[in-house]
């Protein structure tokens, strides 16, 4: 129980800390810094998807021989399809865009921006939940240290992510306190997603490899559909690559050293 509570609260703390930047920053995030932060978040998520999710999913299926990749493929594809469907059915507005995506709605710009961030954060919570579920059920391939690596890695990338959410909300005309509160609330979906996956795994233990790969697919959908395009807009997009490399290296190191 302690490992679950800790794993769920650390990423949320990162979001809260990042959202707090809006309370003392007078201007918006400089374009170059935002590109670096987006690239960093993408790097962390790609490394987490590979080392913390896809590789363990295949290792758990070693008894299937050369077909051990099957659960990873099935879970990965389902994760992509799930986020694609959620993206199509939910009215949302990406930060920096003027044209909403999804079905027409009467929602405010602020609410649609919050929904976009919610879609983004859900896979991260699912990833933490899948790793925690594996550790709770005693799988030798997922240690307590591995859970800590995933939680800390997600928390680190949630810090700039929280700032990227709350500061644009302030630029939209919301008060500092309201922008901070919305930024914090956008992170609530992560523990909710994690708890859902943990409960599902508790009743269906053989599905853990599928859940790990499902979370990986959902995370990589967000990276390819949202983070990379936003980081590549305009000039100096190559600086986002540096952020990606730093985030990828950091998460890979955390997983290998701690896991």
C-alpha atoms as a PDB file:
ATOM      1  CA  UNK A   1       0.000   0.000   0.000  1.00  0.00           C
ATOM      2  CA  UNK A   2       2.846   2.421   0.861  1.00  0.00           C
ATOM      3  CA  UNK A   3       4.512   1.871  -2.500  1.00  0.00           C
ATOM      4  CA  UNK A   4       1.224   2.587  -4.271  1.00  0.00           C
ATOM      5  CA  UNK A   5       0.552   5.827  -2.368  1.00  0.00           C
ATOM      6  CA  UNK A   6       4.103   7.071  -2.912  1.00  0.00           C
ATOM      7  CA  UNK A   7       4.116   6.176  -6.606  1.00  0.00           C
ATOM      8  CA  UNK A   8       0.833   7.997  -7.175  1.00  0.00           C
ATOM      9  CA  UNK A   9       1.673  11.163  -5.246  1.00  0.00           C
ATOM     10  CA  UNK A  10       5.199  11.839  -6.561  1.00  0.00           C
ATOM     11  CA  UNK A  11       4.109  12.582 -10.183  1.00  0.00           C
ATOM     12  CA  UNK A  12       1.246  14.768  -8.931  1.00  0.00           C
ATOM     13  CA  UNK A  13       3.711  16.711  -6.790  1.00  0.00           C
ATOM     14  CA  UNK A  14       5.735  17.411  -9.932  1.00  0.00           C
ATOM     15  CA  UNK A  15       2.660  18.845 -11.671  1.00  0.00           C
ATOM     16  CA  UNK A  16       1.839  21.047  -8.663  1.00  0.00           C
ATOM     17  CA  UNK A  17       5.406  22.329  -8.463  1.00  0.00           C
ATOM     18  CA  UNK A  18       5.469  23.152 -12.172  1.00  0.00           C
ATOM     19  CA  UNK A  19       2.066  24.832 -12.040  1.00  0.00           C
ATOM     20  CA  UNK A  20       3.330  27.074  -9.225  1.00  0.00           C
ATOM     21  CA  UNK A  21       5.645  28.843 -11.699  1.00  0.00           C
ATOM     22  CA  UNK A  22       2.643  30.903 -12.828  1.00  0.00           C
ATOM     23  CA  UNK A  23       2.455  32.511  -9.373  1.00  0.00           C
ATOM     24  CA  UNK A  24       5.711  34.422  -9.792  1.00  0.00           C
ATOM     25  CA  UNK A  25       6.452  34.546 -13.534  1.00  0.00           C
ATOM     26  CA  UNK A  26       5.354  37.872 -15.045  1.00  0.00           C
ATOM     27  CA  UNK A  27       5.607  36.936 -18.709  1.00  0.00           C
ATOM     28  CA  UNK A  28       4.918  33.838 -20.766  1.00  0.00           C
ATOM     29  CA  UNK A  29       7.445  31.083 -21.413  1.00  0.00           C
ATOM     30  CA  UNK A  30      10.009  32.095 -24.061  1.00  0.00           C
ATOM     31  CA  UNK A  31       9.534  30.154 -27.290  1.00  0.00           C
ATOM     32  CA  UNK A  32      12.962  28.494 -27.169  1.00  0.00           C
ATOM     33  CA  UNK A  33      12.513  27.392 -23.561  1.00  0.00           C
ATOM     34  CA  UNK A  34       9.084  25.947 -24.342  1.00  0.00           C
ATOM     35  CA  UNK A  35      10.571  23.936 -27.209  1.00  0.00           C
ATOM     36  CA  UNK A  36      13.264  22.557 -24.899  1.00  0.00           C
ATOM     37  CA  UNK A  37      10.678  21.615 -22.281  1.00  0.00           C
ATOM     38  CA  UNK A  38       8.413  19.922 -24.832  1.00  0.00           C
ATOM     39  CA  UNK A  39      11.375  17.996 -26.223  1.00  0.00           C
ATOM     40  CA  UNK A  40      12.420  17.010 -22.696  1.00  0.00           C
ATOM     41  CA  UNK A  41       8.935  15.693 -21.892  1.00  0.00           C
ATOM     42  CA  UNK A  42       8.892  13.726 -25.160  1.00  0.00           C
ATOM     43  CA  UNK A  43      12.289  12.189 -24.398  1.00  0.00           C
ATOM     44  CA  UNK A  44      11.223  11.070 -20.922  1.00  0.00           C
ATOM     45  CA  UNK A  45       8.022   9.513 -22.259  1.00  0.00           C
ATOM     46  CA  UNK A  46       9.737   7.630 -25.110  1.00  0.00           C
ATOM     47  CA  UNK A  47      12.406   6.197 -22.786  1.00  0.00           C
ATOM     48  CA  UNK A  48       9.776   5.235 -20.207  1.00  0.00           C
ATOM     49  CA  UNK A  49       7.675   3.546 -22.895  1.00  0.00           C
ATOM     50  CA  UNK A  50      10.624   1.447 -24.052  1.00  0.00           C
ATOM     51  CA  UNK A  51      12.576   0.575 -20.894  1.00  0.00           C
ATOM     52  CA  UNK A  52       9.830   0.643 -18.257  1.00  0.00           C
ATOM     53  CA  UNK A  53       6.896  -0.709 -20.270  1.00  0.00           C
ATOM     54  CA  UNK A  54       7.567  -2.497 -23.574  1.00  0.00           C
ATOM     55  CA  UNK A  55      10.707  -4.417 -22.566  1.00  0.00           C
ATOM     56  CA  UNK A  56       9.175  -5.683 -19.273  1.00  0.00           C
ATOM     57  CA  UNK A  57       5.990  -6.601 -21.160  1.00  0.00           C
ATOM     58  CA  UNK A  58       7.999  -8.879 -23.453  1.00  0.00           C
ATOM     59  CA  UNK A  59      10.164 -10.266 -20.642  1.00  0.00           C
ATOM     60  CA  UNK A  60       7.015 -11.272 -18.716  1.00  0.00           C
ATOM     61  CA  UNK A  61       5.932 -13.311 -21.728  1.00  0.00           C
ATOM     62  CA  UNK A  62       9.175 -15.315 -22.071  1.00  0.00           C
ATOM     63  CA  UNK A  63       7.239 -18.573 -21.725  1.00  0.00           C
ATOM     64  CA  UNK A  64       5.688 -17.828 -25.136  1.00  0.00           C
ATOM     65  CA  UNK A  65       9.059 -18.226 -26.858  1.00  0.00           C
ATOM     66  CA  UNK A  66       9.487 -16.221 -30.028  1.00  0.00           C
ATOM     67  CA  UNK A  67       5.827 -15.162 -29.740  1.00  0.00           C
ATOM     68  CA  UNK A  68       6.538 -13.227 -26.549  1.00  0.00           C
ATOM     69  CA  UNK A  69       6.208 -10.070 -28.615  1.00  0.00           C
ATOM     70  CA  UNK A  70       2.498 -10.781 -29.222  1.00  0.00           C
ATOM     71  CA  UNK A  71       1.144  -9.315 -25.929  1.00  0.00           C
ATOM     72  CA  UNK A  72       3.322  -6.242 -26.425  1.00  0.00           C
ATOM     73  CA  UNK A  73       2.035  -5.737 -29.969  1.00  0.00           C
ATOM     74  CA  UNK A  74      -1.598  -6.226 -28.987  1.00  0.00           C
ATOM     75  CA  UNK A  75      -1.387  -3.940 -25.965  1.00  0.00           C
ATOM     76  CA  UNK A  76       0.576  -1.306 -27.869  1.00  0.00           C
ATOM     77  CA  UNK A  77      -1.897  -1.152 -30.750  1.00  0.00           C
ATOM     78  CA  UNK A  78      -4.860  -1.021 -28.353  1.00  0.00           C
ATOM     79  CA  UNK A  79      -3.217   1.877 -26.500  1.00  0.00           C
ATOM     80  CA  UNK A  80      -2.791   3.806 -29.743  1.00  0.00           C
ATOM     81  CA  UNK A  81      -6.390   3.133 -30.797  1.00  0.00           C
ATOM     82  CA  UNK A  82      -7.716   4.113 -27.350  1.00  0.00           C
ATOM     83  CA  UNK A  83      -5.985   7.511 -27.369  1.00  0.00           C
ATOM     84  CA  UNK A  84      -6.899   8.076 -31.023  1.00  0.00           C
ATOM     85  CA  UNK A  85     -10.560   7.451 -30.193  1.00  0.00           C
ATOM     86  CA  UNK A  86     -10.415   9.639 -27.085  1.00  0.00           C
ATOM     87  CA  UNK A  87      -8.768  12.374 -29.140  1.00  0.00           C
ATOM     88  CA  UNK A  88     -11.531  12.230 -31.753  1.00  0.00           C
ATOM     89  CA  UNK A  89     -14.440  12.159 -29.293  1.00  0.00           C
ATOM     90  CA  UNK A  90     -13.259  14.857 -26.859  1.00  0.00           C
ATOM     91  CA  UNK A  91     -13.497  18.558 -27.750  1.00  0.00           C
ATOM     92  CA  UNK A  92     -10.112  20.068 -26.888  1.00  0.00           C
ATOM     93  CA  UNK A  93      -7.726  22.858 -27.799  1.00  0.00           C
ATOM     94  CA  UNK A  94      -3.970  22.401 -27.878  1.00  0.00           C
ATOM     95  CA  UNK A  95      -1.824  25.098 -26.302  1.00  0.00           C
ATOM     96  CA  UNK A  96      -0.922  27.727 -28.890  1.00  0.00           C
ATOM     97  CA  UNK A  97      -3.664  26.677 -31.333  1.00  0.00           C
ATOM     98  CA  UNK A  98      -6.760  28.638 -32.274  1.00  0.00           C
ATOM     99  CA  UNK A  99      -8.739  25.834 -33.921  1.00  0.00           C
ATOM    100  CA  UNK A 100     -10.345  23.290 -31.544  1.00  0.00           C
ATOM    101  CA  UNK A 101     -10.204  19.575 -32.292  1.00  0.00           C
ATOM    102  CA  UNK A 102     -12.887  16.960 -31.730  1.00  0.00           C
ATOM    103  CA  UNK A 103     -16.669  17.391 -32.046  1.00  0.00           C
ATOM    104  CA  UNK A 104     -18.187  20.905 -31.940  1.00  0.00           C
ATOM    105  CA  UNK A 105     -19.031  22.150 -28.445  1.00  0.00           C
ATOM    106  CA  UNK A 106     -19.912  25.273 -26.525  1.00  0.00           C
ATOM    107  CA  UNK A 107     -17.009  24.868 -24.109  1.00  0.00           C
ATOM    108  CA  UNK A 108     -14.751  27.808 -23.308  1.00  0.00           C
ATOM    109  CA  UNK A 109     -11.171  27.976 -24.575  1.00  0.00           C
ATOM    110  CA  UNK A 110      -9.911  27.392 -21.034  1.00  0.00           C
ATOM    111  CA  UNK A 111     -11.983  24.233 -20.588  1.00  0.00           C
ATOM    112  CA  UNK A 112     -10.913  22.847 -23.969  1.00  0.00           C
ATOM    113  CA  UNK A 113      -7.260  23.520 -23.098  1.00  0.00           C
ATOM    114  CA  UNK A 114      -7.760  21.632 -19.823  1.00  0.00           C
ATOM    115  CA  UNK A 115      -9.302  18.693 -21.691  1.00  0.00           C
ATOM    116  CA  UNK A 116      -6.297  18.606 -24.041  1.00  0.00           C
ATOM    117  CA  UNK A 117      -3.947  18.379 -21.057  1.00  0.00           C
ATOM    118  CA  UNK A 118      -6.159  15.716 -19.478  1.00  0.00           C
ATOM    119  CA  UNK A 119      -5.842  13.546 -22.596  1.00  0.00           C
ATOM    120  CA  UNK A 120      -2.075  14.067 -22.414  1.00  0.00           C
ATOM    121  CA  UNK A 121      -1.783  13.147 -18.719  1.00  0.00           C
ATOM    122  CA  UNK A 122      -3.943  10.012 -18.746  1.00  0.00           C
ATOM    123  CA  UNK A 123      -1.323   7.716 -20.359  1.00  0.00           C
ATOM    124  CA  UNK A 124       1.289   8.803 -17.813  1.00  0.00           C
ATOM    125  CA  UNK A 125      -0.978   7.761 -14.962  1.00  0.00           C
ATOM    126  CA  UNK A 126      -1.746   4.473 -16.697  1.00  0.00           C
ATOM    127  CA  UNK A 127       1.989   3.822 -17.097  1.00  0.00           C
ATOM    128  CA  UNK A 128       2.650   4.346 -13.385  1.00  0.00           C
ATOM    129  CA  UNK A 129      -0.362   2.185 -12.511  1.00  0.00           C
ATOM    130  CA  UNK A 130       0.792  -0.686 -14.739  1.00  0.00           C
ATOM    131  CA  UNK A 131       4.266  -0.693 -13.183  1.00  0.00           C
ATOM    132  CA  UNK A 132       2.852  -0.485  -9.646  1.00  0.00           C
ATOM    133  CA  UNK A 133       0.448  -3.358 -10.403  1.00  0.00           C
ATOM    134  CA  UNK A 134       3.343  -5.541 -11.523  1.00  0.00           C
ATOM    135  CA  UNK A 135       5.336  -4.765  -8.376  1.00  0.00           C
ATOM    136  CA  UNK A 136       2.370  -5.323  -6.034  1.00  0.00           C
ATOM    137  CA  UNK A 137       1.666  -8.728  -7.554  1.00  0.00           C
ATOM    138  CA  UNK A 138       5.247  -9.781  -6.946  1.00  0.00           C
ATOM    139  CA  UNK A 139       6.585  -9.922 -10.481  1.00  0.00           C
ATOM    140  CA  UNK A 140      10.369 -10.343 -10.290  1.00  0.00           C
ATOM    141  CA  UNK A 141      10.853  -8.206 -13.418  1.00  0.00           C
ATOM    142  CA  UNK A 142       9.395  -5.092 -11.752  1.00  0.00           C
ATOM    143  CA  UNK A 143      11.085  -4.058  -8.514  1.00  0.00           C
ATOM    144  CA  UNK A 144      10.226  -1.346  -6.027  1.00  0.00           C
ATOM    145  CA  UNK A 145      13.197   0.589  -7.380  1.00  0.00           C
ATOM    146  CA  UNK A 146      11.735   0.247 -10.869  1.00  0.00           C
ATOM    147  CA  UNK A 147       8.477   1.764  -9.640  1.00  0.00           C
ATOM    148  CA  UNK A 148      10.457   4.601  -8.060  1.00  0.00           C
ATOM    149  CA  UNK A 149      12.303   5.216 -11.339  1.00  0.00           C
ATOM    150  CA  UNK A 150       9.030   5.483 -13.261  1.00  0.00           C
ATOM    151  CA  UNK A 151       7.396   7.755 -10.663  1.00  0.00           C
ATOM    152  CA  UNK A 152      10.402  10.064 -10.339  1.00  0.00           C
ATOM    153  CA  UNK A 153      10.882  10.217 -14.112  1.00  0.00           C
ATOM    154  CA  UNK A 154       7.249  11.160 -14.715  1.00  0.00           C
ATOM    155  CA  UNK A 155       7.407  13.676 -11.847  1.00  0.00           C
ATOM    156  CA  UNK A 156      10.485  15.359 -13.335  1.00  0.00           C
ATOM    157  CA  UNK A 157       8.833  15.792 -16.723  1.00  0.00           C
ATOM    158  CA  UNK A 158       5.619  16.939 -15.005  1.00  0.00           C
ATOM    159  CA  UNK A 159       7.436  20.000 -13.598  1.00  0.00           C
ATOM    160  CA  UNK A 160       7.987  21.743 -16.961  1.00  0.00           C
ATOM    161  CA  UNK A 161       4.683  20.291 -18.156  1.00  0.00           C
ATOM    162  CA  UNK A 162       2.840  21.962 -15.268  1.00  0.00           C
ATOM    163  CA  UNK A 163       4.423  25.293 -16.177  1.00  0.00           C
ATOM    164  CA  UNK A 164       3.568  24.827 -19.858  1.00  0.00           C
ATOM    165  CA  UNK A 165      -0.074  24.349 -18.823  1.00  0.00           C
ATOM    166  CA  UNK A 166      -0.567  27.037 -16.164  1.00  0.00           C
ATOM    167  CA  UNK A 167       1.347  29.919 -17.764  1.00  0.00           C
ATOM    168  CA  UNK A 168      -0.560  29.879 -21.104  1.00  0.00           C
ATOM    169  CA  UNK A 169      -3.793  29.771 -19.093  1.00  0.00           C
ATOM    170  CA  UNK A 170      -2.638  32.975 -17.416  1.00  0.00           C
ATOM    171  CA  UNK A 171      -1.905  34.462 -20.838  1.00  0.00           C
ATOM    172  CA  UNK A 172      -5.502  33.624 -21.812  1.00  0.00           C
ATOM    173  CA  UNK A 173      -6.687  36.113 -19.180  1.00  0.00           C
ATOM    174  CA  UNK A 174      -7.247  33.843 -16.185  1.00  0.00           C
ATOM    175  CA  UNK A 175      -6.009  34.960 -12.760  1.00  0.00           C
ATOM    176  CA  UNK A 176      -2.727  33.569 -11.412  1.00  0.00           C
ATOM    177  CA  UNK A 177      -4.519  31.599  -8.706  1.00  0.00           C
ATOM    178  CA  UNK A 178      -7.069  30.145 -11.129  1.00  0.00           C
ATOM    179  CA  UNK A 179      -4.319  29.198 -13.603  1.00  0.00           C
ATOM    180  CA  UNK A 180      -2.378  27.520 -10.802  1.00  0.00           C
ATOM    181  CA  UNK A 181      -5.463  25.647  -9.594  1.00  0.00           C
ATOM    182  CA  UNK A 182      -6.345  24.420 -13.101  1.00  0.00           C
ATOM    183  CA  UNK A 183      -2.747  23.338 -13.666  1.00  0.00           C
ATOM    184  CA  UNK A 184      -2.826  21.319 -10.434  1.00  0.00           C
ATOM    185  CA  UNK A 185      -6.217  19.786 -11.218  1.00  0.00           C
ATOM    186  CA  UNK A 186      -4.997  18.723 -14.668  1.00  0.00           C
ATOM    187  CA  UNK A 187      -2.640  16.343 -12.889  1.00  0.00           C
ATOM    188  CA  UNK A 188      -5.422  14.620 -10.926  1.00  0.00           C
ATOM    189  CA  UNK A 189      -6.188  12.425 -13.929  1.00  0.00           C
ATOM    190  CA  UNK A 190      -2.801  10.703 -13.490  1.00  0.00           C
ATOM    191  CA  UNK A 191      -3.511   9.022 -10.119  1.00  0.00           C
ATOM    192  CA  UNK A 192      -7.068   8.278 -11.278  1.00  0.00           C
ATOM    193  CA  UNK A 193      -5.720   6.525 -14.380  1.00  0.00           C
ATOM    194  CA  UNK A 194      -3.156   4.676 -12.279  1.00  0.00           C
ATOM    195  CA  UNK A 195      -5.755   3.456  -9.763  1.00  0.00           C
ATOM    196  CA  UNK A 196      -7.990   2.224 -12.597  1.00  0.00           C
ATOM    197  CA  UNK A 197      -5.154   0.146 -14.068  1.00  0.00           C
ATOM    198  CA  UNK A 198      -4.147  -1.221 -10.634  1.00  0.00           C
ATOM    199  CA  UNK A 199      -7.722  -2.329  -9.894  1.00  0.00           C
ATOM    200  CA  UNK A 200      -8.049  -3.927 -13.325  1.00  0.00           C
ATOM    201  CA  UNK A 201      -4.784  -5.824 -12.867  1.00  0.00           C
ATOM    202  CA  UNK A 202      -5.861  -7.021  -9.419  1.00  0.00           C
ATOM    203  CA  UNK A 203      -8.734  -8.981 -10.966  1.00  0.00           C
ATOM    204  CA  UNK A 204      -6.936  -9.972 -14.166  1.00  0.00           C
ATOM    205  CA  UNK A 205      -3.283 -10.682 -13.295  1.00  0.00           C
ATOM    206  CA  UNK A 206      -2.356 -12.295 -16.661  1.00  0.00           C
ATOM    207  CA  UNK A 207      -3.132  -8.998 -18.418  1.00  0.00           C
ATOM    208  CA  UNK A 208      -0.216  -7.068 -16.897  1.00  0.00           C
ATOM    209  CA  UNK A 209       2.023  -7.457 -20.010  1.00  0.00           C
ATOM    210  CA  UNK A 210      -0.876  -6.156 -22.111  1.00  0.00           C
ATOM    211  CA  UNK A 211      -1.459  -3.240 -19.714  1.00  0.00           C
ATOM    212  CA  UNK A 212       2.218  -2.265 -19.776  1.00  0.00           C
ATOM    213  CA  UNK A 213       2.225  -2.227 -23.583  1.00  0.00           C
ATOM    214  CA  UNK A 214      -1.165  -0.459 -23.640  1.00  0.00           C
ATOM    215  CA  UNK A 215       0.274   2.368 -21.537  1.00  0.00           C
ATOM    216  CA  UNK A 216       3.321   2.524 -23.807  1.00  0.00           C
ATOM    217  CA  UNK A 217       1.141   2.871 -26.900  1.00  0.00           C
ATOM    218  CA  UNK A 218      -0.930   5.599 -25.277  1.00  0.00           C
ATOM    219  CA  UNK A 219       2.190   7.515 -24.206  1.00  0.00           C
ATOM    220  CA  UNK A 220       3.810   7.324 -27.630  1.00  0.00           C
ATOM    221  CA  UNK A 221       0.579   8.503 -29.250  1.00  0.00           C
ATOM    222  CA  UNK A 222       0.805  11.679 -27.171  1.00  0.00           C
ATOM    223  CA  UNK A 223       4.473  12.134 -28.095  1.00  0.00           C
ATOM    224  CA  UNK A 224       3.915  11.774 -31.847  1.00  0.00           C
ATOM    225  CA  UNK A 225       0.554  13.528 -32.084  1.00  0.00           C
ATOM    226  CA  UNK A 226       1.160  16.408 -29.686  1.00  0.00           C
ATOM    227  CA  UNK A 227       4.615  16.965 -28.203  1.00  0.00           C
ATOM    228  CA  UNK A 228       6.811  16.583 -31.288  1.00  0.00           C
ATOM    229  CA  UNK A 229       4.594  18.720 -33.596  1.00  0.00           C
ATOM    230  CA  UNK A 230       4.360  21.497 -30.974  1.00  0.00           C
ATOM    231  CA  UNK A 231       8.119  21.409 -30.369  1.00  0.00           C
ATOM    232  CA  UNK A 232       8.803  21.539 -34.126  1.00  0.00           C
ATOM    233  CA  UNK A 233       6.681  24.613 -34.917  1.00  0.00           C
ATOM    234  CA  UNK A 234       8.462  27.748 -36.084  1.00  0.00           C
ATOM    235  CA  UNK A 235      12.203  28.374 -36.046  1.00  0.00           C
ATOM    236  CA  UNK A 236      14.900  26.896 -33.803  1.00  0.00           C
ATOM    237  CA  UNK A 237      13.094  23.566 -33.659  1.00  0.00           C
ATOM    238  CA  UNK A 238      16.457  21.807 -33.411  1.00  0.00           C
ATOM    239  CA  UNK A 239      16.754  23.006 -29.823  1.00  0.00           C
ATOM    240  CA  UNK A 240      13.849  20.696 -28.954  1.00  0.00           C
ATOM    241  CA  UNK A 241      16.053  17.794 -30.046  1.00  0.00           C
ATOM    242  CA  UNK A 242      18.524  18.712 -27.310  1.00  0.00           C
ATOM    243  CA  UNK A 243      15.707  18.663 -24.762  1.00  0.00           C
ATOM    244  CA  UNK A 244      14.586  15.282 -26.118  1.00  0.00           C
ATOM    245  CA  UNK A 245      18.090  13.846 -25.776  1.00  0.00           C
ATOM    246  CA  UNK A 246      18.398  15.072 -22.181  1.00  0.00           C
ATOM    247  CA  UNK A 247      14.974  13.716 -21.200  1.00  0.00           C
ATOM    248  CA  UNK A 248      15.555  10.375 -22.920  1.00  0.00           C
ATOM    249  CA  UNK A 249      18.994   9.926 -21.347  1.00  0.00           C
ATOM    250  CA  UNK A 250      17.728  10.869 -17.892  1.00  0.00           C
ATOM    251  CA  UNK A 251      14.770   8.470 -17.944  1.00  0.00           C
ATOM    252  CA  UNK A 252      16.824   5.657 -19.453  1.00  0.00           C
ATOM    253  CA  UNK A 253      19.466   6.117 -16.756  1.00  0.00           C
ATOM    254  CA  UNK A 254      16.892   6.195 -13.962  1.00  0.00           C
ATOM    255  CA  UNK A 255      15.279   2.984 -15.184  1.00  0.00           C
ATOM    256  CA  UNK A 256      18.542   1.072 -15.688  1.00  0.00           C
ATOM    257  CA  UNK A 257      20.258   2.279 -12.504  1.00  0.00           C
ATOM    258  CA  UNK A 258      17.254   2.066 -10.168  1.00  0.00           C
ATOM    259  CA  UNK A 259      15.293  -0.661 -11.916  1.00  0.00           C
END
